[in-house]
Amino acid sequence: MAQGDRMNVARRLRRAGAALALASLPPPAQAADPPPGFVRVGDVAPAIRQDMRYAGARNFTGRPVPGYGAGQCWLREDAARALAAAQDEAHGLGFDLVVFDCYRPLRAVEAFVAWSKSPDETTKREHYPHVEKRNLFAEGYIALKSAHSTGLAVDVGVVGWDFGAPFDYFDRRSWTLAPVSAEAHANRERLVALMARHGFENFSREWWHFSLAGATDARSYDAPIE
C-alpha cells in the first residue's frame, strides 16, 4: 500500500473512532418533567410571582431542601388552573399573588423529618421561637404526609401585603384567625375569600396554606423539581 493510501486509511480510522466515542457518551441532561397531569405554573399563570423558599436557604431548615433543584412552582393542572383564575381576579382588583411553595417532592418531606431530629437550631429565632423543635410535627406546623406532594396544595400570599406573620413562622400568630393588626386581619380575610371563590380551602394554622377542595386521585410523587 502506498504511503498516501496508508495516511487516508489512518484518517478514516481516526474519524470512525471519534464518532464511536461520541456515540458512547451519555445524552445531554434534560430538565425533569413534572409528574403526570402536572404543569409548571409559570406556563399557565406567568403573572404570579414565584418566591420558592425551599429552593434556597431562606427557609426554616436554613439550606436548600432536597428535591428543589429549581425555584419553580409545579401543581397538578386542575389546581394550577384554579390558581391562575384566582390570580386573574386578584390582578383585576389591583393586586398580585406570590407563591412560596407548591408541589413538594416526598424526599423533601423526609428531609424535614431528618432536620427535626438534628440538634441544629440556627433558624429557631426566625421561624419557631415559641415552639420546641421536636414538637413541630405534633403541633401540626410540619406534616409527615403533605398535600403538597400531590400537587394540590399551594402556599400563597399577596405581593406587598402585611399578614401579621411571615411565611413559615411556626407560631399561633400564623393561625388564620389569630389576633393580629386590623390591616393584617383584613388581608387574611380577603385572601381566604379570594381563594375560596376558586375552590381552595385554607388550613387554619397557616394563613398561607391552601388546598384544592374536592379533588380526587390525590397521589403523592417524588419527582425532583429541575
Protein backbone atom coordinates (compact mmCIF):
# COMPACT_ATOMS: atom_id res chain seq x y z
CA MET A 1 0.00 0.00 0.00
CA ALA A 2 1.36 3.41 -0.93
CA GLN A 3 2.14 5.90 1.80
CA GLY A 4 -0.70 8.20 0.69
CA ASP A 5 -3.20 5.35 0.86
CA ARG A 6 -1.97 4.41 4.34
CA MET A 7 -2.48 8.00 5.52
CA ASN A 8 -6.02 8.06 4.12
CA VAL A 9 -6.86 4.80 5.90
CA ALA A 10 -5.44 6.16 9.17
CA ARG A 11 -7.52 9.32 8.89
CA ARG A 12 -10.67 7.29 8.25
CA LEU A 13 -9.94 5.11 11.28
CA ARG A 14 -9.43 8.18 13.47
CA ARG A 15 -12.73 9.69 12.31
CA ALA A 16 -14.51 6.38 12.91
CA GLY A 17 -13.01 6.15 16.40
CA ALA A 18 -14.07 9.70 17.23
CA ALA A 19 -17.62 9.03 16.03
CA LEU A 20 -17.77 5.84 18.12
CA ALA A 21 -16.57 7.74 21.21
CA LEU A 22 -19.22 10.42 20.75
CA ALA A 23 -21.92 7.80 20.29
CA SER A 24 -20.93 6.17 23.58
CA LEU A 25 -21.32 9.40 25.57
CA PRO A 26 -24.49 9.73 27.68
CA PRO A 27 -27.16 12.04 26.23
CA PRO A 28 -27.13 15.64 27.50
CA ALA A 29 -29.04 16.21 30.71
CA GLN A 30 -32.67 17.15 30.22
CA ALA A 31 -34.80 19.22 32.56
CA ALA A 32 -37.03 16.95 34.63
CA ASP A 33 -40.64 16.84 33.59
CA PRO A 34 -43.41 17.39 36.15
CA PRO A 35 -45.34 14.28 37.27
CA PRO A 36 -48.22 13.09 35.05
CA GLY A 37 -51.05 15.62 34.92
CA PHE A 38 -48.91 18.42 36.40
CA VAL A 39 -47.92 21.73 34.82
CA ARG A 40 -45.45 24.49 35.52
CA VAL A 41 -47.47 27.37 36.96
CA GLY A 42 -45.27 29.81 35.08
CA ASP A 43 -46.71 28.39 31.86
CA VAL A 44 -50.37 28.95 32.82
CA ALA A 45 -50.10 31.96 35.14
CA PRO A 46 -46.88 33.87 34.37
CA ALA A 47 -48.02 36.92 36.36
CA ILE A 48 -47.82 35.04 39.66
CA ARG A 49 -44.58 35.85 41.44
CA GLN A 50 -42.57 32.76 42.43
CA ASP A 51 -40.60 33.09 45.67
CA MET A 52 -39.90 29.40 46.17
CA ARG A 53 -38.28 29.36 49.58
CA TYR A 54 -37.20 25.70 49.73
CA ALA A 55 -35.06 26.05 46.61
CA GLY A 56 -32.73 28.33 48.58
CA ALA A 57 -31.54 28.87 52.13
CA ARG A 58 -34.29 31.29 53.20
CA ASN A 59 -36.44 28.72 54.97
CA PHE A 60 -36.79 27.05 58.36
CA THR A 61 -34.06 24.47 57.61
CA GLY A 62 -31.56 27.19 56.71
CA ARG A 63 -30.47 25.46 53.50
CA PRO A 64 -31.80 24.33 50.10
CA VAL A 65 -34.14 21.37 50.56
CA PRO A 66 -33.57 18.08 48.67
CA GLY A 67 -35.82 17.79 45.63
CA TYR A 68 -35.88 21.54 44.93
CA GLY A 69 -33.29 21.75 42.17
CA ALA A 70 -35.02 24.81 40.72
CA GLY A 71 -37.21 27.56 42.14
CA GLN A 72 -40.25 26.58 40.08
CA CYS A 73 -43.87 26.17 41.12
CA TRP A 74 -45.37 22.92 39.85
CA LEU A 75 -49.00 21.97 40.52
CA ARG A 76 -51.50 19.44 39.29
CA GLU A 77 -53.21 21.02 36.31
CA ASP A 78 -56.61 21.45 37.97
CA ALA A 79 -55.00 23.25 40.91
CA ALA A 80 -52.83 25.33 38.60
CA ARG A 81 -55.82 26.44 36.52
CA ALA A 82 -57.76 27.36 39.65
CA LEU A 83 -54.78 29.35 40.97
CA ALA A 84 -54.45 31.10 37.61
CA ALA A 85 -58.12 32.13 37.83
CA ALA A 86 -57.51 33.47 41.35
CA GLN A 87 -54.57 35.50 40.04
CA ASP A 88 -56.68 36.89 37.20
CA GLU A 89 -59.28 38.08 39.68
CA ALA A 90 -56.65 39.45 42.04
CA HIS A 91 -54.98 41.41 39.27
CA GLY A 92 -58.33 42.86 38.26
CA LEU A 93 -58.74 44.04 41.84
CA GLY A 94 -55.33 45.69 41.84
CA PHE A 95 -53.02 43.15 43.47
CA ASP A 96 -50.98 40.05 42.54
CA LEU A 97 -50.29 36.70 44.16
CA VAL A 98 -46.93 35.30 45.22
CA VAL A 99 -46.27 31.59 45.83
CA PHE A 100 -43.80 30.28 48.41
CA ASP A 101 -44.26 26.54 47.89
CA CYS A 102 -46.28 24.36 45.53
CA TYR A 103 -45.61 20.71 44.69
CA ARG A 104 -43.24 19.20 47.27
CA PRO A 105 -41.30 16.01 46.43
CA LEU A 106 -41.56 13.24 49.02
CA ARG A 107 -37.81 13.41 49.60
CA ALA A 108 -38.29 16.98 50.86
CA VAL A 109 -40.76 15.77 53.48
CA GLU A 110 -38.21 13.14 54.54
CA ALA A 111 -35.59 15.90 54.78
CA PHE A 112 -37.90 17.88 57.08
CA VAL A 113 -38.20 14.83 59.35
CA ALA A 114 -34.42 14.40 59.43
CA TRP A 115 -33.96 18.11 60.17
CA SER A 116 -36.41 17.92 63.09
CA LYS A 117 -34.21 15.28 64.71
CA SER A 118 -30.97 17.21 64.29
CA PRO A 119 -29.51 19.47 67.01
CA ASP A 120 -29.29 22.44 64.62
CA GLU A 121 -31.50 25.31 65.83
CA THR A 122 -29.97 28.21 63.91
CA THR A 123 -33.36 29.21 62.49
CA LYS A 124 -35.31 28.95 65.74
CA ARG A 125 -35.46 32.67 66.45
CA GLU A 126 -36.80 33.48 62.98
CA HIS A 127 -39.15 30.55 62.40
CA TYR A 128 -40.19 28.82 65.66
CA PRO A 129 -39.21 30.93 68.68
CA HIS A 130 -42.02 29.67 70.93
CA VAL A 131 -42.22 26.01 69.88
CA GLU A 132 -39.80 23.22 70.68
CA LYS A 133 -38.29 21.87 67.50
CA ARG A 134 -39.19 18.29 68.35
CA ASN A 135 -42.87 19.32 68.66
CA LEU A 136 -43.27 20.96 65.25
CA PHE A 137 -44.83 17.85 63.71
CA ALA A 138 -47.02 17.04 66.72
CA GLU A 139 -48.41 20.58 66.79
CA GLY A 140 -49.24 20.49 63.08
CA TYR A 141 -46.74 23.03 61.78
CA ILE A 142 -45.00 20.46 59.55
CA ALA A 143 -46.80 17.44 58.09
CA LEU A 144 -45.45 13.89 57.94
CA LYS A 145 -47.68 13.39 54.89
CA SER A 146 -48.12 16.60 52.95
CA ALA A 147 -50.84 17.52 50.47
CA HIS A 148 -48.09 19.46 48.72
CA SER A 149 -46.71 16.16 47.42
CA THR A 150 -49.96 15.62 45.50
CA GLY A 151 -49.65 18.95 43.72
CA LEU A 152 -53.00 20.06 45.14
CA ALA A 153 -51.69 22.43 47.83
CA VAL A 154 -50.05 25.82 47.50
CA ASP A 155 -48.55 28.32 49.94
CA VAL A 156 -49.54 31.74 48.72
CA GLY A 157 -49.60 35.39 49.74
CA VAL A 158 -50.07 38.76 48.10
CA VAL A 159 -47.22 40.95 46.90
CA GLY A 160 -46.70 43.83 49.32
CA TRP A 161 -49.41 42.86 51.83
CA ASP A 162 -48.94 42.60 55.60
CA PHE A 163 -50.35 39.35 57.01
CA GLY A 164 -49.18 39.82 60.58
CA ALA A 165 -46.69 36.93 60.44
CA PRO A 166 -44.24 35.85 57.74
CA PHE A 167 -44.43 32.64 55.75
CA ASP A 168 -43.36 29.55 57.72
CA TYR A 169 -43.50 31.32 61.06
CA PHE A 170 -44.49 28.41 63.31
CA ASP A 171 -46.50 30.16 65.97
CA ARG A 172 -50.12 30.79 66.97
CA ARG A 173 -49.78 34.24 65.38
CA SER A 174 -49.76 32.47 62.00
CA TRP A 175 -53.13 30.83 62.64
CA THR A 176 -55.57 32.37 60.19
CA LEU A 177 -57.92 33.72 62.88
CA ALA A 178 -55.19 34.71 65.35
CA PRO A 179 -55.28 38.22 66.89
CA VAL A 180 -53.21 40.44 64.58
CA SER A 181 -53.47 44.05 63.45
CA ALA A 182 -56.70 45.16 61.80
CA GLU A 183 -54.90 45.51 58.47
CA ALA A 184 -53.36 42.04 58.65
CA HIS A 185 -56.68 40.50 59.71
CA ALA A 186 -58.46 42.15 56.78
CA ASN A 187 -55.76 40.97 54.39
CA ARG A 188 -56.11 37.40 55.61
CA GLU A 189 -59.87 37.55 55.18
CA ARG A 190 -59.52 38.90 51.62
CA LEU A 191 -57.02 36.20 50.65
CA VAL A 192 -59.11 33.38 52.13
CA ALA A 193 -62.24 34.68 50.39
CA LEU A 194 -60.43 35.05 47.06
CA MET A 195 -59.01 31.54 47.18
CA ALA A 196 -62.36 30.09 48.30
CA ARG A 197 -64.07 31.59 45.26
CA HIS A 198 -61.72 29.49 43.14
CA GLY A 199 -62.12 26.22 45.03
CA PHE A 200 -59.34 26.39 47.65
CA GLU A 201 -59.66 25.68 51.37
CA ASN A 202 -57.40 27.31 53.94
CA PHE A 203 -55.51 25.40 56.64
CA SER A 204 -56.50 27.12 59.87
CA ARG A 205 -52.98 27.08 61.38
CA GLU A 206 -51.28 28.69 58.40
CA TRP A 207 -52.77 31.77 56.76
CA TRP A 208 -50.73 30.99 53.61
CA HIS A 209 -51.68 27.31 53.05
CA PHE A 210 -54.49 26.37 50.66
CA SER A 211 -55.62 23.05 49.18
CA LEU A 212 -57.91 22.48 46.21
CA ALA A 213 -61.18 21.17 47.63
CA GLY A 214 -62.93 18.13 46.19
CA ALA A 215 -60.01 16.93 44.07
CA THR A 216 -59.81 13.17 43.52
CA ASP A 217 -56.96 10.70 42.90
CA ALA A 218 -54.61 12.62 45.18
CA ARG A 219 -51.41 10.68 44.53
CA SER A 220 -48.10 11.75 46.05
CA TYR A 221 -44.94 11.98 43.96
CA ASP A 222 -41.20 12.25 44.45
CA ALA A 223 -40.10 13.66 41.09
CA PRO A 224 -37.43 16.32 41.74
CA ILE A 225 -38.08 19.87 40.60
CA GLU A 226 -35.49 20.63 37.93
